[in-house]
C-alpha cells in the first residue's frame, strides 16, 4: 500500500465536501483499515 500512499498524499487527511446542503466527509482508505 506504500505505493498508493505516495500517490495519494492529498488524501492524507479527511476532506469535507458540501453536496446539496449535506456535509460529506471523505476519509482515506488507510484510516478505514485501522478500524
N, C-alpha and C. Protein backbone atom coordinates (compact mmCIF):
# COMPACT_ATOMS: atom_id res chain seq x y z
N UNK A 1 0.83 -1.21 0.00
CA UNK A 1 0.00 0.00 0.00
C UNK A 1 0.86 1.25 0.00
N UNK A 2 2.16 1.09 0.19
CA UNK A 2 3.03 2.27 0.26
C UNK A 2 3.04 3.00 -1.08
N UNK A 3 2.95 2.27 -2.17
CA UNK A 3 2.93 2.91 -3.48
C UNK A 3 1.69 3.77 -3.64
N UNK A 4 0.56 3.29 -3.12
CA UNK A 4 -0.69 4.05 -3.22
C UNK A 4 -0.63 5.27 -2.32
N UNK A 5 0.00 5.13 -1.15
CA UNK A 5 0.09 6.26 -0.22
C UNK A 5 0.88 7.41 -0.83
N UNK A 6 1.97 7.08 -1.51
CA UNK A 6 2.79 8.13 -2.11
C UNK A 6 2.04 8.83 -3.24
N UNK A 7 1.12 8.12 -3.87
CA UNK A 7 0.35 8.70 -4.96
C UNK A 7 -0.89 9.44 -4.48
N UNK A 8 -1.22 9.22 -3.20
CA UNK A 8 -2.42 9.87 -2.66
C UNK A 8 -2.09 10.69 -1.43
N UNK A 9 -1.06 11.52 -1.57
CA UNK A 9 -0.64 12.36 -0.44
C UNK A 9 -1.75 13.35 -0.09
N UNK A 10 -2.50 13.78 -1.11
CA UNK A 10 -3.55 14.76 -0.87
C UNK A 10 -4.72 14.16 -0.09
N UNK A 11 -4.74 12.83 0.03
CA UNK A 11 -5.82 12.17 0.77
C UNK A 11 -5.38 11.77 2.17
N UNK A 12 -4.29 12.37 2.64
CA UNK A 12 -3.76 12.00 3.96
C UNK A 12 -4.58 12.62 5.08
N UNK A 13 -5.60 13.38 4.72
CA UNK A 13 -6.46 13.99 5.74
C UNK A 13 -7.90 13.99 5.27
N UNK A 14 -8.85 13.93 6.21
CA UNK A 14 -10.28 13.93 5.84
C UNK A 14 -10.64 15.18 5.05
N UNK A 15 -11.43 15.02 4.01
CA UNK A 15 -11.85 16.14 3.18
C UNK A 15 -13.34 16.40 3.40
N UNK A 16 -13.66 17.64 3.71
CA UNK A 16 -15.07 17.99 3.93
C UNK A 16 -15.65 18.60 2.67
N UNK A 17 -16.68 17.98 2.14
CA UNK A 17 -17.29 18.46 0.91
C UNK A 17 -18.79 18.65 1.11
N UNK A 18 -19.29 19.77 0.64
CA UNK A 18 -20.73 20.02 0.76
C UNK A 18 -21.43 19.62 -0.52
N UNK A 19 -22.40 18.72 -0.40
CA UNK A 19 -23.15 18.26 -1.56
C UNK A 19 -24.64 18.45 -1.31
N UNK A 20 -25.25 19.31 -2.09
CA UNK A 20 -26.69 19.59 -1.97
C UNK A 20 -27.09 19.87 -0.52
N UNK A 21 -26.29 20.68 0.17
CA UNK A 21 -26.64 21.07 1.53
C UNK A 21 -26.22 20.06 2.58
N UNK A 22 -25.73 18.91 2.16
CA UNK A 22 -25.28 17.90 3.12
C UNK A 22 -23.76 17.90 3.20
N UNK A 23 -23.25 17.68 4.39
CA UNK A 23 -21.80 17.65 4.58
C UNK A 23 -21.30 16.21 4.51
N UNK A 24 -20.41 15.94 3.57
CA UNK A 24 -19.89 14.59 3.40
C UNK A 24 -18.40 14.58 3.73
N UNK A 25 -17.98 13.64 4.58
CA UNK A 25 -16.57 13.53 4.93
C UNK A 25 -15.94 12.38 4.16
N UNK A 26 -14.87 12.70 3.44
CA UNK A 26 -14.16 11.66 2.70
C UNK A 26 -12.93 11.25 3.50
N UNK A 27 -12.93 10.00 3.95
CA UNK A 27 -11.83 9.52 4.80
C UNK A 27 -10.93 8.59 3.98
N UNK A 28 -9.63 8.75 4.11
CA UNK A 28 -8.68 7.90 3.39
C UNK A 28 -8.90 6.42 3.71
N UNK A 29 -8.56 5.55 2.78
CA UNK A 29 -8.73 4.11 2.99
C UNK A 29 -7.84 3.63 4.13
N UNK A 30 -6.68 4.24 4.31
CA UNK A 30 -5.76 3.83 5.37
C UNK A 30 -6.43 3.95 6.74
N UNK A 31 -7.22 4.98 6.93
CA UNK A 31 -7.89 5.18 8.21
C UNK A 31 -8.97 4.12 8.42
N UNK A 32 -9.63 3.72 7.34
CA UNK A 32 -10.68 2.71 7.44
C UNK A 32 -10.09 1.34 7.75
N UNK A 33 -8.88 1.08 7.28
CA UNK A 33 -8.25 -0.21 7.51
C UNK A 33 -7.91 -0.40 8.98
N UNK A 34 -7.63 0.70 9.68
CA UNK A 34 -7.24 0.61 11.09
C UNK A 34 -8.43 0.29 11.99
N UNK A 35 -9.63 0.55 11.50
CA UNK A 35 -10.83 0.30 12.32
C UNK A 35 -11.11 -1.19 12.40
